[in-house]
Structure formats: C-alpha cells, structure tokens
C-alpha atoms as a PDB file:
ATOM      1  CA  MET A   1      -0.046  -0.102   0.066  1.00  0.00           C
ATOM      2  CA  ASN A   2       1.349   3.424  -0.896  1.00  0.00           C
ATOM      3  CA  ASN A   3       1.932   6.209   1.440  1.00  0.00           C
ATOM      4  CA  HIS A   4      -0.912   8.275   0.039  1.00  0.00           C
ATOM      5  CA  ILE A   5      -3.426   5.726   0.429  1.00  0.00           C
ATOM      6  CA  GLU A   6      -1.940   5.185   4.115  1.00  0.00           C
ATOM      7  CA  ALA A   7      -2.246   8.922   4.608  1.00  0.00           C
ATOM      8  CA  THR A   8      -5.691   8.931   3.167  1.00  0.00           C
ATOM      9  CA  ILE A   9      -7.110   6.276   5.601  1.00  0.00           C
ATOM     10  CA  ASP A  10      -5.338   8.093   8.576  1.00  0.00           C
ATOM     11  CA  GLN A  11      -6.967  11.372   7.541  1.00  0.00           C
ATOM     12  CA  VAL A  12     -10.534   9.762   7.339  1.00  0.00           C
ATOM     13  CA  ARG A  13     -10.142   7.970  10.581  1.00  0.00           C
ATOM     14  CA  ALA A  14      -8.823  11.381  12.282  1.00  0.00           C
ATOM     15  CA  LEU A  15     -11.840  13.451  11.050  1.00  0.00           C
ATOM     16  CA  HIS A  16     -14.624  10.775  11.126  1.00  0.00           C
ATOM     17  CA  PRO A  17     -13.887   8.272  13.518  1.00  0.00           C
ATOM     18  CA  GLU A  18     -17.355   7.015  13.927  1.00  0.00           C
ATOM     19  CA  ALA A  19     -17.881   6.454  10.110  1.00  0.00           C
ATOM     20  CA  ILE A  20     -15.180   3.743   9.687  1.00  0.00           C
ATOM     21  CA  GLU A  21     -16.266   0.201  10.633  1.00  0.00           C
ATOM     22  CA  SER A  22     -13.131  -1.480   9.584  1.00  0.00           C
ATOM     23  CA  VAL A  23     -10.632  -1.642   6.803  1.00  0.00           C
ATOM     24  CA  MET A  24      -9.799  -4.582   4.598  1.00  0.00           C
ATOM     25  CA  ASN A  25      -7.021  -4.759   2.243  1.00  0.00           C
ATOM     26  CA  PHE A  26      -6.903  -7.041  -0.743  1.00  0.00           C
ATOM     27  CA  ARG A  27      -3.803  -7.071  -3.338  1.00  0.00           C
ATOM     28  CA  GLU A  28      -2.573  -3.610  -2.086  1.00  0.00           C
ATOM     29  CA  GLU A  29      -5.842  -1.996  -2.572  1.00  0.00           C
ATOM     30  CA  PRO A  30      -7.665  -0.989   0.741  1.00  0.00           C
ATOM     31  CA  THR A  31     -11.443  -1.238   1.481  1.00  0.00           C
ATOM     32  CA  LEU A  32     -13.045   1.043   3.920  1.00  0.00           C
ATOM     33  CA  ILE A  33     -16.377  -0.367   5.658  1.00  0.00           C
ATOM     34  CA  VAL A  34     -18.070   2.933   6.067  1.00  0.00           C
ATOM     35  CA  ASP A  35     -21.341   3.566   8.170  1.00  0.00           C
ATOM     36  CA  ALA A  36     -24.013   4.452   5.529  1.00  0.00           C
ATOM     37  CA  THR A  37     -25.002   7.534   7.407  1.00  0.00           C
ATOM     38  CA  HIS A  38     -21.646   8.972   6.964  1.00  0.00           C
ATOM     39  CA  LEU A  39     -21.075   8.039   2.997  1.00  0.00           C
ATOM     40  CA  LEU A  40     -21.561  11.549   1.901  1.00  0.00           C
ATOM     41  CA  ASP A  41     -19.213  12.986   4.328  1.00  0.00           C
ATOM     42  CA  ILE A  42     -16.499  10.755   3.584  1.00  0.00           C
ATOM     43  CA  CYS A  43     -17.110  11.029  -0.181  1.00  0.00           C
ATOM     44  CA  ASN A  44     -17.126  15.067   0.098  1.00  0.00           C
ATOM     45  CA  LEU A  45     -13.871  14.745   2.098  1.00  0.00           C
ATOM     46  CA  LEU A  46     -12.051  12.113  -0.382  1.00  0.00           C
ATOM     47  CA  ARG A  47     -13.298  14.160  -3.512  1.00  0.00           C
ATOM     48  CA  PHE A  48     -12.750  18.013  -2.437  1.00  0.00           C
ATOM     49  CA  ASP A  49      -9.917  17.871  -0.206  1.00  0.00           C
ATOM     50  CA  SER A  50      -6.902  19.021  -2.377  1.00  0.00           C
ATOM     51  CA  GLY A  51      -4.365  16.772  -0.602  1.00  0.00           C
ATOM     52  CA  LEU A  52      -6.474  13.526  -1.326  1.00  0.00           C
ATOM     53  CA  ASP A  53      -8.078  14.495  -4.482  1.00  0.00           C
ATOM     54  CA  TYR A  54     -10.163  11.225  -5.451  1.00  0.00           C
ATOM     55  CA  SER A  55     -11.437  13.016  -8.413  1.00  0.00           C
ATOM     56  CA  LEU A  56     -12.442   9.723 -10.502  1.00  0.00           C
ATOM     57  CA  LEU A  57     -15.416   7.595  -9.404  1.00  0.00           C
ATOM     58  CA  VAL A  58     -14.449   4.306 -11.479  1.00  0.00           C
ATOM     59  CA  ASP A  59     -17.350   2.635 -10.704  1.00  0.00           C
ATOM     60  CA  ILE A  60     -20.480   1.545  -8.141  1.00  0.00           C
ATOM     61  CA  ALA A  61     -20.848  -2.150  -7.878  1.00  0.00           C
ATOM     62  CA  PHE A  62     -23.873  -3.592  -5.887  1.00  0.00           C
ATOM     63  CA  VAL A  63     -24.237  -7.129  -4.492  1.00  0.00           C
ATOM     64  CA  ASP A  64     -27.230  -8.771  -2.820  1.00  0.00           C
ATOM     65  CA  HIS A  65     -26.197 -11.390  -0.107  1.00  0.00           C
ATOM     66  CA  TYR A  66     -29.845 -12.708   0.357  1.00  0.00           C
ATOM     67  CA  PRO A  67     -30.753 -14.471   2.650  1.00  0.00           C
ATOM     68  CA  ASN A  68     -28.153 -12.860   5.060  1.00  0.00           C
ATOM     69  CA  GLU A  69     -28.284  -9.275   6.881  1.00  0.00           C
ATOM     70  CA  PRO A  70     -27.208  -6.663   5.860  1.00  0.00           C
ATOM     71  CA  ARG A  71     -28.672  -7.807   2.693  1.00  0.00           C
ATOM     72  CA  PHE A  72     -27.149  -5.381   0.185  1.00  0.00           C
ATOM     73  CA  SER A  73     -23.416  -3.965  -0.253  1.00  0.00           C
ATOM     74  CA  LEU A  74     -22.238  -0.987  -2.377  1.00  0.00           C
ATOM     75  CA  SER A  75     -18.778  -0.598  -3.264  1.00  0.00           C
ATOM     76  CA  TYR A  76     -17.594   2.711  -4.648  1.00  0.00           C
ATOM     77  CA  ILE A  77     -14.004   2.300  -6.418  1.00  0.00           C
ATOM     78  CA  LEU A  78     -12.321   5.697  -6.170  1.00  0.00           C
ATOM     79  CA  HIS A  79      -9.118   6.856  -8.059  1.00  0.00           C
ATOM     80  CA  SER A  80      -6.597   9.683  -7.464  1.00  0.00           C
ATOM     81  CA  LEU A  81      -5.217  10.679 -10.639  1.00  0.00           C
ATOM     82  CA  GLU A  82      -2.625  12.973  -9.178  1.00  0.00           C
ATOM     83  CA  LYS A  83      -1.498  10.338  -6.912  1.00  0.00           C
ATOM     84  CA  ASN A  84      -2.263   7.258  -8.586  1.00  0.00           C
ATOM     85  CA  ALA A  85      -3.887   5.722  -5.920  1.00  0.00           C
ATOM     86  CA  ARG A  86      -7.193   3.501  -5.721  1.00  0.00           C
ATOM     87  CA  ILE A  87      -9.418   2.958  -2.597  1.00  0.00           C
ATOM     88  CA  ARG A  88     -12.883   1.226  -2.192  1.00  0.00           C
ATOM     89  CA  LEU A  89     -15.648   2.548   0.074  1.00  0.00           C
ATOM     90  CA  ARG A  90     -18.106  -0.275   1.146  1.00  0.00           C
ATOM     91  CA  VAL A  91     -21.453   0.387   2.493  1.00  0.00           C
ATOM     92  CA  GLN A  92     -23.802  -2.369   3.828  1.00  0.00           C
ATOM     93  CA  LEU A  93     -27.457  -1.979   3.801  1.00  0.00           C
ATOM     94  CA  SER A  94     -30.809  -3.595   5.170  1.00  0.00           C
ATOM     95  CA  GLY A  95     -32.766  -5.367   3.243  1.00  0.00           C
ATOM     96  CA  LYS A  96     -35.961  -4.015   4.796  1.00  0.00           C
ATOM     97  CA  SER A  97     -35.250  -0.421   3.376  1.00  0.00           C
ATOM     98  CA  PRO A  98     -32.245  -0.116   1.358  1.00  0.00           C
ATOM     99  CA  GLU A  99     -31.382   3.533   1.370  1.00  0.00           C
ATOM    100  CA  VAL A 100     -28.346   5.672   1.163  1.00  0.00           C
ATOM    101  CA  SER A 101     -27.334   9.242   0.320  1.00  0.00           C
ATOM    102  CA  SER A 102     -26.591   9.874  -3.498  1.00  0.00           C
ATOM    103  CA  VAL A 103     -22.985  10.871  -4.316  1.00  0.00           C
ATOM    104  CA  THR A 104     -23.835  12.690  -7.256  1.00  0.00           C
ATOM    105  CA  ALA A 105     -22.955  15.931  -5.543  1.00  0.00           C
ATOM    106  CA  CYS A 106     -19.253  14.562  -5.375  1.00  0.00           C
ATOM    107  CA  TRP A 107     -19.010  12.945  -8.696  1.00  0.00           C
ATOM    108  CA  LYS A 108     -21.642  13.637 -11.674  1.00  0.00           C
ATOM    109  CA  SER A 109     -20.747  10.238 -12.970  1.00  0.00           C
ATOM    110  CA  ALA A 110     -22.398   8.652 -10.229  1.00  0.00           C
ATOM    111  CA  GLU A 111     -25.989   9.348 -11.716  1.00  0.00           C
ATOM    112  CA  TRP A 112     -26.038   6.394 -14.022  1.00  0.00           C
ATOM    113  CA  PRO A 113     -24.650   3.820 -11.691  1.00  0.00           C
ATOM    114  CA  GLU A 114     -26.957   4.772  -9.031  1.00  0.00           C
ATOM    115  CA  ARG A 115     -29.712   4.639 -11.705  1.00  0.00           C
ATOM    116  CA  GLU A 116     -28.538   1.104 -12.130  1.00  0.00           C
ATOM    117  CA  ALA A 117     -28.605  -0.002  -8.616  1.00  0.00           C
ATOM    118  CA  PHE A 118     -32.142   1.379  -8.047  1.00  0.00           C
ATOM    119  CA  ASP A 119     -33.449  -0.248 -11.099  1.00  0.00           C
ATOM    120  CA  MET A 120     -31.994  -3.628 -10.662  1.00  0.00           C
ATOM    121  CA  MET A 121     -31.869  -3.905  -6.809  1.00  0.00           C
ATOM    122  CA  GLY A 122     -34.408  -1.423  -5.562  1.00  0.00           C
ATOM    123  CA  ILE A 123     -31.655   0.678  -3.492  1.00  0.00           C
ATOM    124  CA  ASN A 124     -33.054   4.150  -3.033  1.00  0.00           C
ATOM    125  CA  PHE A 125     -30.558   6.836  -3.387  1.00  0.00           C
ATOM    126  CA  VAL A 126     -31.492   9.999  -1.186  1.00  0.00           C
ATOM    127  CA  GLY A 127     -30.835  13.142  -3.227  1.00  0.00           C
ATOM    128  CA  HIS A 128     -30.457  11.420  -6.668  1.00  0.00           C
ATOM    129  CA  PRO A 129     -31.353  14.230  -9.333  1.00  0.00           C
ATOM    130  CA  ASP A 130     -33.325  11.789 -11.605  1.00  0.00           C
ATOM    131  CA  LEU A 131     -33.966   8.630  -9.844  1.00  0.00           C
ATOM    132  CA  ARG A 132     -36.047   6.450 -12.091  1.00  0.00           C
ATOM    133  CA  ARG A 133     -35.689   3.065 -14.265  1.00  0.00           C
ATOM    134  CA  ILE A 134     -32.490   3.012 -16.634  1.00  0.00           C
ATOM    135  CA  LEU A 135     -32.668  -0.570 -17.912  1.00  0.00           C
ATOM    136  CA  MET A 136     -36.106  -1.717 -17.334  1.00  0.00           C
ATOM    137  CA  PRO A 137     -39.512  -0.377 -18.578  1.00  0.00           C
ATOM    138  CA  ALA A 138     -41.216   1.923 -16.541  1.00  0.00           C
ATOM    139  CA  ASP A 139     -43.871  -0.275 -15.701  1.00  0.00           C
ATOM    140  CA  TRP A 140     -41.899  -3.104 -14.636  1.00  0.00           C
ATOM    141  CA  ASP A 141     -42.598  -4.640 -11.068  1.00  0.00           C
ATOM    142  CA  GLY A 142     -39.491  -5.888  -9.043  1.00  0.00           C
ATOM    143  CA  HIS A 143     -35.956  -5.729  -9.211  1.00  0.00           C
ATOM    144  CA  PRO A 144     -34.601  -8.477 -11.382  1.00  0.00           C
ATOM    145  CA  LEU A 145     -30.901  -8.626  -9.910  1.00  0.00           C
ATOM    146  CA  ARG A 146     -32.358  -9.304  -6.285  1.00  0.00           C
ATOM    147  CA  LYS A 147     -31.688 -13.211  -5.553  1.00  0.00           C
ATOM    148  CA  ASP A 148     -35.231 -13.302  -4.531  1.00  0.00           C
ATOM    149  CA  TYR A 149     -36.609 -12.382  -7.853  1.00  0.00           C
ATOM    150  CA  PRO A 150     -38.729 -15.147  -9.460  1.00  0.00           C
ATOM    151  CA  LEU A 151     -36.934 -17.003 -12.381  1.00  0.00           C
ATOM    152  CA  GLY A 152     -38.858 -17.114 -15.564  1.00  0.00           C
ATOM    153  CA  TYR A 153     -41.007 -14.005 -14.782  1.00  0.00           C
ATOM    154  CA  GLU A 154     -41.986 -11.837 -17.490  1.00  0.00           C
ATOM    155  CA  GLU A 155     -40.456 -11.567 -21.080  1.00  0.00           C
ATOM    156  CA  VAL A 156     -38.831  -8.050 -21.512  1.00  0.00           C
ATOM    157  CA  GLN A 157     -40.466  -5.797 -24.352  1.00  0.00           C
ATOM    158  CA  PHE A 158     -38.150  -4.515 -26.828  1.00  0.00           C
ATOM    159  CA  SER A 159     -38.696  -2.594 -30.090  1.00  0.00           C
ATOM    160  CA  PHE A 160     -38.493  -5.613 -32.413  1.00  0.00           C
ATOM    161  CA  ASN A 161     -40.987  -7.740 -30.222  1.00  0.00           C
ATOM    162  CA  TRP A 162     -43.240  -5.192 -29.050  1.00  0.00           C
ATOM    163  CA  GLU A 163     -46.543  -6.499 -30.594  1.00  0.00           C
ATOM    164  CA  GLU A 164     -45.872 -10.117 -29.411  1.00  0.00           C
ATOM    165  CA  ILE A 165     -45.335  -9.139 -25.666  1.00  0.00           C
ATOM    166  CA  ASP A 166     -48.073  -6.454 -25.746  1.00  0.00           C
ATOM    167  CA  SER A 167     -50.571  -9.013 -26.884  1.00  0.00           C
ATOM    168  CA  LYS A 168     -49.549 -11.355 -23.985  1.00  0.00           C
ATOM    169  CA  LYS A 169     -50.641  -8.697 -21.483  1.00  0.00           C
ATOM    170  CA  ASP A 170     -53.975  -8.827 -19.485  1.00  0.00           C
ATOM    171  CA  TYR A 171     -55.493  -5.801 -21.088  1.00  0.00           C
ATOM    172  CA  ALA A 172     -54.911  -6.933 -24.364  1.00  0.00           C
ATOM    173  CA  LYS A 173     -57.147  -9.945 -24.010  1.00  0.00           C
ATOM    174  CA  GLU A 174     -60.391  -7.648 -23.419  1.00  0.00           C
END
C-alpha cells in the first residue's frame, strides 16, 4: 500500500472516527467499510480535499447477499489521478429499506450507476437528481438482480418484439 493511501485512511479516521467500521486490504487495494449514514461526508472529504483528490469515481458495484443481513452492499471504487492511488468504500444496507445518500454532488458520473442499482436492486439513493428506471421498462414490477426475484418471470419488451409481448398482457385480451 502506498504512502498516499495510508495517509488517506489516517485522515479519514482522524476526521470521521465514527464513520469507519473496518478496513480490509486485498492485493494492496484497501476497502473502507463505511457506516451508511456517513457515506456522503467521507465522499466529500475524498473528493474535495486538495491533499486527497479522489477526482474519479471508477464504478459503483452492488451485491445482494440474500438471505443474510445486511442484505446489500455497495462498493464505490475511487481513483486519485494525481497520486495514482485507488481506494474502495463499501456500504452495507438492510434488506428492509435499502437507502443511502446519493454521491452525485461529489461525482456527476454517479448518476447512471446509482440509477442502475435502483432499477436492478431497488436501492434508494436519497438526493439523486433523476432516480428512475434506466434498463427496465417504466411499468416493470420488481428488481431483477435481487436473489429473491422469481425466475422465468416476464419477457422483456423491446422494439422488435413489442406487439408479441403486448398481446400477452392482460389488458390486450379484453
């Protein structure tokens, strides 16, 4: 682990000691397990502190750990271009009401990954500027990447098969 990453972890712990639940290290890339209520504070620090400068949100990954609790985890992969350092933040969310603050105020590029997590898993991002489905049709029920989502549900409607799928809907049989 390089010195910048160690300094980053030390600074986050010093400024927000209650926010960091634990630190994991895998292949020289640390993951900070962050309390969900403090995620936005940590992201603001990492993004806007000139000494840290994690200006690039590489990705937001989401996992459903059903039937375990906490059910969901979100991993934010951040990169400092200036320091060539990478760090992950992981937030764990309950299955009853998966909700976390949106980080779009820190990284505009978070808009679509957050919409994907909302659409596929049903995770609500508080403060997101345009939280609506991005992959599934607007009238779709459920979240297809959840482990408890029923298999063989309903065929997805696209432009080439719209009439075929639409004719199978209940309202088309009247």
